N, C-alpha and C. Protein backbone atom coordinates (compact mmCIF):
# COMPACT_ATOMS: atom_id res chain seq x y z
N MET A 1 72.35 -35.59 9.97
CA MET A 1 73.78 -35.48 9.68
C MET A 1 74.13 -34.14 9.03
N LEU A 2 73.17 -33.53 8.35
CA LEU A 2 73.43 -32.24 7.73
C LEU A 2 73.74 -31.19 8.79
N GLY A 3 73.05 -31.28 9.93
CA GLY A 3 73.31 -30.34 11.02
C GLY A 3 74.73 -30.44 11.53
N ALA A 4 75.27 -31.65 11.59
CA ALA A 4 76.66 -31.84 12.03
C ALA A 4 77.63 -31.22 11.02
N GLN A 5 77.32 -31.35 9.73
CA GLN A 5 78.18 -30.75 8.69
C GLN A 5 78.18 -29.23 8.83
N VAL A 6 77.00 -28.67 9.02
CA VAL A 6 76.86 -27.21 9.15
C VAL A 6 77.61 -26.72 10.40
N ALA A 7 77.43 -27.41 11.52
CA ALA A 7 78.09 -27.01 12.77
C ALA A 7 79.61 -27.09 12.64
N ALA A 8 80.11 -28.15 12.00
CA ALA A 8 81.56 -28.31 11.84
C ALA A 8 82.14 -27.22 10.95
N MET A 9 81.45 -26.88 9.86
CA MET A 9 81.94 -25.82 8.99
C MET A 9 81.90 -24.47 9.71
N ARG A 10 80.87 -24.22 10.48
CA ARG A 10 80.80 -22.95 11.23
C ARG A 10 81.93 -22.85 12.23
N GLN A 11 82.28 -23.97 12.85
CA GLN A 11 83.34 -23.96 13.86
C GLN A 11 84.72 -23.90 13.21
N ARG A 12 84.97 -24.70 12.21
CA ARG A 12 86.31 -24.83 11.64
C ARG A 12 86.59 -23.88 10.48
N ARG A 13 85.57 -23.44 9.80
CA ARG A 13 85.71 -22.54 8.64
C ARG A 13 84.71 -21.39 8.75
N PRO A 14 84.80 -20.58 9.80
CA PRO A 14 83.78 -19.55 10.03
C PRO A 14 83.70 -18.50 8.93
N SER A 15 84.76 -18.34 8.15
CA SER A 15 84.72 -17.33 7.09
C SER A 15 83.95 -17.81 5.85
N PHE A 16 83.68 -19.10 5.76
CA PHE A 16 82.91 -19.60 4.62
C PHE A 16 81.46 -19.14 4.76
N ARG A 17 80.92 -18.59 3.67
CA ARG A 17 79.52 -18.18 3.66
C ARG A 17 78.65 -19.41 3.38
N MET A 18 77.50 -19.49 4.04
CA MET A 18 76.66 -20.68 3.94
C MET A 18 75.28 -20.33 3.41
N ARG A 19 74.75 -21.23 2.58
CA ARG A 19 73.34 -21.20 2.16
C ARG A 19 72.77 -22.58 2.48
N TRP A 20 71.72 -22.62 3.27
CA TRP A 20 71.15 -23.89 3.72
C TRP A 20 69.68 -23.91 3.33
N ASN A 21 69.28 -24.98 2.63
CA ASN A 21 67.89 -25.11 2.18
C ASN A 21 67.47 -26.56 2.31
N ARG A 22 66.70 -26.86 3.32
CA ARG A 22 66.17 -28.20 3.59
C ARG A 22 67.28 -29.25 3.66
N ASN A 23 67.39 -30.07 2.62
CA ASN A 23 68.34 -31.19 2.61
C ASN A 23 69.64 -30.87 1.87
N ALA A 24 69.92 -29.61 1.64
CA ALA A 24 71.12 -29.24 0.91
C ALA A 24 71.75 -27.99 1.54
N VAL A 25 73.06 -27.92 1.43
CA VAL A 25 73.79 -26.76 1.94
C VAL A 25 74.93 -26.46 0.98
N SER A 26 75.23 -25.18 0.82
CA SER A 26 76.37 -24.75 0.01
C SER A 26 77.21 -23.79 0.83
N TRP A 27 78.51 -23.91 0.66
CA TRP A 27 79.44 -22.99 1.31
C TRP A 27 80.32 -22.38 0.23
N THR A 28 80.66 -21.12 0.40
CA THR A 28 81.60 -20.44 -0.48
C THR A 28 82.66 -19.80 0.41
N GLY A 29 83.92 -20.03 0.05
CA GLY A 29 85.00 -19.48 0.85
C GLY A 29 86.30 -19.46 0.09
N THR A 30 87.31 -18.96 0.74
CA THR A 30 88.62 -18.78 0.12
C THR A 30 89.62 -19.78 0.70
N ILE A 31 90.40 -20.38 -0.20
CA ILE A 31 91.45 -21.31 0.18
C ILE A 31 92.74 -20.90 -0.52
N GLN A 32 93.83 -20.90 0.22
CA GLN A 32 95.15 -20.61 -0.34
C GLN A 32 96.05 -21.79 0.02
N PRO A 33 96.40 -22.64 -0.96
CA PRO A 33 97.13 -23.86 -0.63
C PRO A 33 98.53 -23.64 -0.05
N THR A 34 99.23 -22.60 -0.48
CA THR A 34 100.54 -22.27 0.08
C THR A 34 100.65 -20.75 0.18
N ALA A 35 101.65 -20.29 0.91
CA ALA A 35 101.85 -18.85 1.05
C ALA A 35 102.17 -18.19 -0.29
N MET A 36 102.70 -18.94 -1.24
CA MET A 36 103.06 -18.41 -2.56
C MET A 36 101.89 -18.51 -3.55
N SER A 37 100.83 -19.18 -3.16
CA SER A 37 99.68 -19.42 -4.05
C SER A 37 98.72 -18.24 -4.06
N PRO A 38 97.97 -18.12 -5.15
CA PRO A 38 96.86 -17.18 -5.10
C PRO A 38 95.77 -17.72 -4.18
N SER A 39 94.86 -16.88 -3.79
CA SER A 39 93.69 -17.32 -3.05
C SER A 39 92.64 -17.75 -4.07
N TYR A 40 92.02 -18.88 -3.81
CA TYR A 40 90.98 -19.41 -4.69
C TYR A 40 89.64 -19.33 -3.97
N GLU A 41 88.65 -18.80 -4.65
CA GLU A 41 87.30 -18.85 -4.11
C GLU A 41 86.66 -20.14 -4.60
N VAL A 42 86.17 -20.94 -3.66
CA VAL A 42 85.60 -22.24 -3.98
C VAL A 42 84.17 -22.33 -3.48
N GLU A 43 83.41 -23.20 -4.12
CA GLU A 43 82.05 -23.48 -3.67
C GLU A 43 81.92 -24.98 -3.44
N ILE A 44 81.37 -25.32 -2.29
CA ILE A 44 81.09 -26.71 -1.93
C ILE A 44 79.58 -26.84 -1.81
N HIS A 45 79.02 -27.76 -2.55
CA HIS A 45 77.58 -28.01 -2.46
C HIS A 45 77.39 -29.44 -1.98
N TYR A 46 76.56 -29.60 -0.95
CA TYR A 46 76.30 -30.94 -0.39
C TYR A 46 74.82 -31.14 -0.19
N ARG A 47 74.31 -32.21 -0.76
CA ARG A 47 72.92 -32.61 -0.60
C ARG A 47 72.92 -33.98 0.07
N LEU A 48 72.06 -34.14 1.07
CA LEU A 48 71.97 -35.43 1.77
C LEU A 48 71.82 -36.57 0.76
N GLY A 49 72.58 -37.63 0.97
CA GLY A 49 72.53 -38.80 0.11
C GLY A 49 73.41 -38.71 -1.12
N GLU A 50 74.09 -37.59 -1.30
CA GLU A 50 74.98 -37.41 -2.45
C GLU A 50 76.37 -37.07 -1.96
N ARG A 51 77.32 -37.09 -2.87
CA ARG A 51 78.67 -36.70 -2.49
C ARG A 51 78.84 -35.19 -2.66
N PRO A 52 79.75 -34.59 -1.92
CA PRO A 52 79.97 -33.15 -2.07
C PRO A 52 80.44 -32.81 -3.48
N ASP A 53 79.97 -31.71 -3.97
CA ASP A 53 80.31 -31.21 -5.30
C ASP A 53 81.13 -29.94 -5.10
N VAL A 54 82.30 -29.87 -5.71
CA VAL A 54 83.22 -28.76 -5.46
C VAL A 54 83.64 -28.11 -6.77
N ALA A 55 83.60 -26.79 -6.79
CA ALA A 55 84.05 -26.03 -7.96
C ALA A 55 84.88 -24.84 -7.50
N VAL A 56 85.83 -24.46 -8.33
CA VAL A 56 86.60 -23.24 -8.10
C VAL A 56 85.89 -22.13 -8.86
N ILE A 57 85.53 -21.08 -8.14
CA ILE A 57 84.82 -19.95 -8.74
C ILE A 57 85.81 -18.96 -9.36
N SER A 58 86.86 -18.63 -8.61
CA SER A 58 87.87 -17.72 -9.13
C SER A 58 89.19 -17.95 -8.39
N PRO A 59 90.30 -17.70 -9.03
CA PRO A 59 90.40 -17.40 -10.45
C PRO A 59 90.02 -18.63 -11.28
N PRO A 60 89.63 -18.43 -12.54
CA PRO A 60 89.25 -19.58 -13.35
C PRO A 60 90.41 -20.56 -13.51
N LEU A 61 90.11 -21.84 -13.42
CA LEU A 61 91.13 -22.86 -13.67
C LEU A 61 91.41 -22.89 -15.17
N ARG A 62 92.66 -23.13 -15.52
CA ARG A 62 93.01 -23.11 -16.94
C ARG A 62 93.81 -24.35 -17.32
N ASP A 63 93.64 -24.72 -18.57
CA ASP A 63 94.40 -25.84 -19.12
C ASP A 63 95.88 -25.47 -19.18
N ARG A 64 96.71 -26.48 -19.40
CA ARG A 64 98.15 -26.26 -19.52
C ARG A 64 98.54 -26.55 -20.97
N ASP A 65 98.85 -25.52 -21.71
CA ASP A 65 99.26 -25.66 -23.11
C ASP A 65 98.30 -26.57 -23.88
N GLY A 66 97.00 -26.37 -23.69
CA GLY A 66 96.00 -27.15 -24.39
C GLY A 66 95.68 -28.50 -23.78
N GLU A 67 96.44 -28.89 -22.77
CA GLU A 67 96.19 -30.17 -22.08
C GLU A 67 95.11 -29.95 -21.02
N PRO A 68 94.07 -30.79 -21.04
CA PRO A 68 93.01 -30.60 -20.04
C PRO A 68 93.51 -30.83 -18.62
N ILE A 69 92.85 -30.20 -17.68
CA ILE A 69 93.22 -30.32 -16.27
C ILE A 69 92.91 -31.74 -15.80
N PRO A 70 93.88 -32.41 -15.18
CA PRO A 70 93.61 -33.75 -14.63
C PRO A 70 92.65 -33.69 -13.44
N HIS A 71 92.06 -34.81 -13.15
CA HIS A 71 91.21 -34.96 -11.96
C HIS A 71 90.06 -33.94 -11.91
N MET A 72 89.37 -33.85 -13.03
CA MET A 72 88.20 -32.98 -13.12
C MET A 72 87.01 -33.79 -13.60
N TYR A 73 85.86 -33.49 -13.03
CA TYR A 73 84.60 -34.02 -13.53
C TYR A 73 84.04 -33.03 -14.56
N PRO A 74 83.10 -33.47 -15.36
CA PRO A 74 82.46 -32.51 -16.28
C PRO A 74 81.91 -31.31 -15.51
N GLY A 75 81.93 -30.18 -16.17
CA GLY A 75 81.47 -28.95 -15.52
C GLY A 75 82.54 -28.33 -14.64
N LYS A 76 83.78 -28.73 -14.85
CA LYS A 76 84.92 -28.20 -14.07
C LYS A 76 84.73 -28.41 -12.58
N ARG A 77 84.24 -29.58 -12.20
CA ARG A 77 84.10 -29.97 -10.80
C ARG A 77 85.33 -30.76 -10.40
N LEU A 78 85.83 -30.50 -9.19
CA LEU A 78 87.07 -31.14 -8.74
C LEU A 78 86.83 -32.60 -8.38
N CYS A 79 87.75 -33.44 -8.79
CA CYS A 79 87.77 -34.85 -8.40
C CYS A 79 88.75 -34.96 -7.24
N LEU A 80 88.21 -35.12 -6.03
CA LEU A 80 89.03 -35.09 -4.82
C LEU A 80 89.33 -36.47 -4.26
N TYR A 81 88.54 -37.47 -4.62
CA TYR A 81 88.69 -38.81 -4.05
C TYR A 81 87.94 -39.80 -4.93
N LEU A 82 88.16 -41.08 -4.67
CA LEU A 82 87.45 -42.13 -5.40
C LEU A 82 86.16 -42.47 -4.66
N PRO A 83 85.02 -42.11 -5.20
CA PRO A 83 83.76 -42.35 -4.48
C PRO A 83 83.52 -43.82 -4.12
N ARG A 84 83.83 -44.73 -5.01
CA ARG A 84 83.56 -46.15 -4.75
C ARG A 84 84.57 -46.80 -3.81
N ALA A 85 85.64 -46.09 -3.51
CA ALA A 85 86.69 -46.66 -2.66
C ALA A 85 86.45 -46.38 -1.17
N GLY A 86 85.41 -45.66 -0.85
CA GLY A 86 85.11 -45.38 0.55
C GLY A 86 86.02 -44.36 1.19
N GLU A 87 86.68 -43.54 0.38
CA GLU A 87 87.58 -42.52 0.94
C GLU A 87 86.81 -41.41 1.65
N TRP A 88 85.55 -41.20 1.25
CA TRP A 88 84.70 -40.25 1.94
C TRP A 88 83.31 -40.87 2.08
N THR A 89 82.71 -40.68 3.25
CA THR A 89 81.34 -41.13 3.49
C THR A 89 80.59 -39.97 4.14
N PRO A 90 79.26 -40.00 4.14
CA PRO A 90 78.51 -38.93 4.79
C PRO A 90 78.80 -38.78 6.29
N ALA A 91 79.40 -39.78 6.90
CA ALA A 91 79.79 -39.68 8.31
C ALA A 91 81.03 -38.81 8.49
N ASP A 92 81.79 -38.59 7.42
CA ASP A 92 82.98 -37.75 7.49
C ASP A 92 82.59 -36.29 7.40
N LEU A 93 83.21 -35.47 8.21
CA LEU A 93 82.90 -34.04 8.19
C LEU A 93 83.59 -33.37 7.01
N ILE A 94 82.84 -32.64 6.25
CA ILE A 94 83.36 -31.91 5.09
C ILE A 94 84.48 -30.95 5.52
N ALA A 95 84.31 -30.31 6.65
CA ALA A 95 85.32 -29.37 7.15
C ALA A 95 86.66 -30.04 7.43
N GLU A 96 86.63 -31.33 7.75
CA GLU A 96 87.87 -32.06 8.10
C GLU A 96 88.40 -32.91 6.96
N THR A 97 87.65 -33.06 5.90
CA THR A 97 88.09 -33.91 4.78
C THR A 97 88.09 -33.12 3.48
N ILE A 98 86.92 -32.76 3.02
CA ILE A 98 86.78 -32.13 1.71
C ILE A 98 87.55 -30.81 1.63
N VAL A 99 87.43 -29.96 2.64
CA VAL A 99 88.12 -28.66 2.59
C VAL A 99 89.64 -28.84 2.52
N PRO A 100 90.27 -29.66 3.38
CA PRO A 100 91.71 -29.88 3.21
C PRO A 100 92.05 -30.54 1.88
N TRP A 101 91.19 -31.42 1.39
CA TRP A 101 91.45 -32.06 0.09
C TRP A 101 91.38 -31.06 -1.05
N ILE A 102 90.52 -30.04 -0.93
CA ILE A 102 90.49 -28.97 -1.94
C ILE A 102 91.83 -28.26 -1.96
N SER A 103 92.35 -27.93 -0.78
CA SER A 103 93.65 -27.27 -0.69
C SER A 103 94.74 -28.13 -1.32
N GLU A 104 94.70 -29.40 -1.01
CA GLU A 104 95.68 -30.33 -1.59
C GLU A 104 95.53 -30.40 -3.11
N TRP A 105 94.32 -30.49 -3.60
CA TRP A 105 94.08 -30.55 -5.04
C TRP A 105 94.63 -29.30 -5.72
N LEU A 106 94.36 -28.13 -5.13
CA LEU A 106 94.86 -26.88 -5.71
C LEU A 106 96.39 -26.83 -5.72
N TYR A 107 97.01 -27.35 -4.67
CA TYR A 107 98.47 -27.44 -4.63
C TYR A 107 98.98 -28.26 -5.81
N PHE A 108 98.39 -29.44 -6.02
CA PHE A 108 98.83 -30.30 -7.13
C PHE A 108 98.49 -29.69 -8.49
N TYR A 109 97.43 -28.94 -8.56
CA TYR A 109 97.09 -28.21 -9.79
C TYR A 109 98.20 -27.21 -10.12
N GLU A 110 98.66 -26.48 -9.11
CA GLU A 110 99.74 -25.51 -9.34
C GLU A 110 101.04 -26.21 -9.74
N VAL A 111 101.36 -27.31 -9.11
CA VAL A 111 102.56 -28.08 -9.46
C VAL A 111 102.44 -28.59 -10.89
N TRP A 112 101.26 -29.09 -11.26
CA TRP A 112 101.02 -29.59 -12.62
C TRP A 112 101.27 -28.49 -13.65
N HIS A 113 100.87 -27.26 -13.34
CA HIS A 113 101.11 -26.16 -14.28
C HIS A 113 102.60 -25.92 -14.49
N VAL A 114 103.41 -26.16 -13.49
CA VAL A 114 104.86 -25.94 -13.62
C VAL A 114 105.55 -27.13 -14.26
N THR A 115 105.18 -28.35 -13.83
CA THR A 115 105.93 -29.54 -14.25
C THR A 115 105.27 -30.35 -15.37
N GLY A 116 103.97 -30.21 -15.53
CA GLY A 116 103.26 -31.03 -16.50
C GLY A 116 102.88 -32.39 -15.98
N ALA A 117 103.19 -32.68 -14.72
CA ALA A 117 102.87 -33.99 -14.12
C ALA A 117 101.98 -33.77 -12.90
N TRP A 118 100.97 -34.64 -12.77
CA TRP A 118 100.09 -34.61 -11.60
C TRP A 118 100.69 -35.56 -10.58
N HIS A 119 101.17 -35.03 -9.46
CA HIS A 119 101.93 -35.81 -8.49
C HIS A 119 101.10 -36.41 -7.36
N ALA A 120 99.79 -36.27 -7.41
CA ALA A 120 98.94 -36.81 -6.35
C ALA A 120 98.56 -38.25 -6.65
N ASP A 121 98.12 -38.95 -5.60
CA ASP A 121 97.56 -40.29 -5.77
C ASP A 121 96.26 -40.17 -6.54
N GLY A 122 95.82 -41.30 -7.08
CA GLY A 122 94.51 -41.31 -7.71
C GLY A 122 94.55 -41.88 -9.10
N VAL A 123 93.40 -41.85 -9.72
CA VAL A 123 93.24 -42.39 -11.06
C VAL A 123 92.75 -41.26 -11.96
N HIS A 124 93.46 -41.04 -13.05
CA HIS A 124 93.01 -40.07 -14.03
C HIS A 124 91.94 -40.73 -14.88
N PRO A 125 90.89 -40.03 -15.23
CA PRO A 125 89.88 -40.62 -16.11
C PRO A 125 90.51 -41.13 -17.40
N GLY A 126 90.16 -42.34 -17.78
CA GLY A 126 90.67 -42.91 -19.02
C GLY A 126 92.00 -43.61 -18.90
N LYS A 127 92.66 -43.52 -17.76
CA LYS A 127 93.94 -44.19 -17.57
C LYS A 127 93.76 -45.35 -16.60
N LYS A 128 94.42 -46.44 -16.88
CA LYS A 128 94.34 -47.60 -15.99
C LYS A 128 95.52 -47.54 -15.05
N ARG A 129 95.23 -47.23 -13.80
CA ARG A 129 96.27 -47.13 -12.80
C ARG A 129 95.62 -47.42 -11.46
N LYS A 130 96.28 -48.24 -10.68
CA LYS A 130 95.74 -48.54 -9.36
C LYS A 130 95.86 -47.32 -8.48
N ALA A 131 94.83 -47.09 -7.74
CA ALA A 131 94.83 -46.01 -6.76
C ALA A 131 94.87 -46.61 -5.38
N LYS A 132 95.39 -45.86 -4.45
CA LYS A 132 95.38 -46.32 -3.07
C LYS A 132 93.95 -46.34 -2.60
N ARG A 133 93.51 -47.47 -2.10
CA ARG A 133 92.11 -47.63 -1.73
C ARG A 133 91.87 -47.48 -0.24
N LYS A 134 92.87 -47.12 0.52
CA LYS A 134 92.65 -46.91 1.94
C LYS A 134 92.09 -45.51 2.16
N LYS A 135 91.42 -45.35 3.25
CA LYS A 135 90.88 -44.05 3.59
C LYS A 135 92.06 -43.13 3.90
N ARG A 136 92.12 -41.99 3.21
CA ARG A 136 93.26 -41.13 3.41
C ARG A 136 93.11 -40.23 4.62
N ALA A 137 94.24 -39.97 5.18
CA ALA A 137 94.28 -39.04 6.32
C ALA A 137 94.35 -37.62 5.77
N LEU A 138 94.27 -36.68 6.62
CA LEU A 138 94.38 -35.30 6.19
C LEU A 138 95.84 -34.99 5.89
N ARG A 139 96.20 -35.21 4.64
CA ARG A 139 97.60 -35.08 4.26
C ARG A 139 98.01 -33.65 3.97
N SER A 140 97.08 -32.84 3.56
CA SER A 140 97.47 -31.50 3.13
C SER A 140 98.16 -30.73 4.24
N SER A 141 97.74 -30.91 5.48
CA SER A 141 98.39 -30.16 6.55
C SER A 141 99.81 -30.66 6.79
N ASN A 142 100.08 -31.92 6.49
CA ASN A 142 101.44 -32.44 6.61
C ASN A 142 102.28 -32.06 5.40
N ARG A 143 101.68 -32.07 4.22
CA ARG A 143 102.42 -31.81 2.99
C ARG A 143 102.88 -30.37 2.91
N VAL A 144 102.02 -29.46 3.25
CA VAL A 144 102.37 -28.04 3.20
C VAL A 144 102.13 -27.44 4.59
N ALA A 145 102.89 -27.92 5.54
CA ALA A 145 102.70 -27.55 6.94
C ALA A 145 102.74 -26.04 7.10
N GLY A 146 101.73 -25.59 7.82
CA GLY A 146 101.68 -24.16 8.12
C GLY A 146 101.18 -23.30 6.99
N THR A 147 100.91 -23.89 5.82
CA THR A 147 100.46 -23.07 4.71
C THR A 147 99.23 -23.68 4.07
N ASP A 148 98.43 -24.35 4.86
CA ASP A 148 97.24 -25.04 4.35
C ASP A 148 96.29 -24.05 3.72
N GLU A 149 95.20 -23.78 4.32
CA GLU A 149 94.24 -22.86 3.73
C GLU A 149 94.11 -21.65 4.62
N THR A 150 93.75 -20.55 4.00
CA THR A 150 93.52 -19.34 4.75
C THR A 150 92.04 -19.09 4.79
N GLU A 151 91.62 -18.37 5.77
CA GLU A 151 90.22 -18.01 5.88
C GLU A 151 90.11 -16.51 5.79
N SER A 152 89.42 -16.06 4.78
CA SER A 152 89.25 -14.60 4.64
C SER A 152 87.87 -14.26 4.21
């Protein structure tokens, strides 16, 4: 299955740089959620049997007036989906799910900086709120049509 992930990223995200070592692969590339957004350099690390791990390399993500960034794992890793809800499985291609979800997450991060509210679905750590448990479609291309991610 790792070979399918590598092939899909090469086809759909050819500008992403890849490092492949046995049962693990990492990609680094640029995503721009909207035409008005900065470009973000991101790293995706995937090891067989684990979920993809995603971090923004630059520009550094920042808190909002001392308020921590919502939907983050320790180590400033992006929380893109609910792992136990089946929103992503190893059968799903990272190029078709995780990469668009990164763009969507960055869009909501930018909105949060302006409004102070996280407008995406999901559960914030420590808050009791039902999340949509259905497998999500690729919403980012619909939400910000024509301004999804750029490849550079």
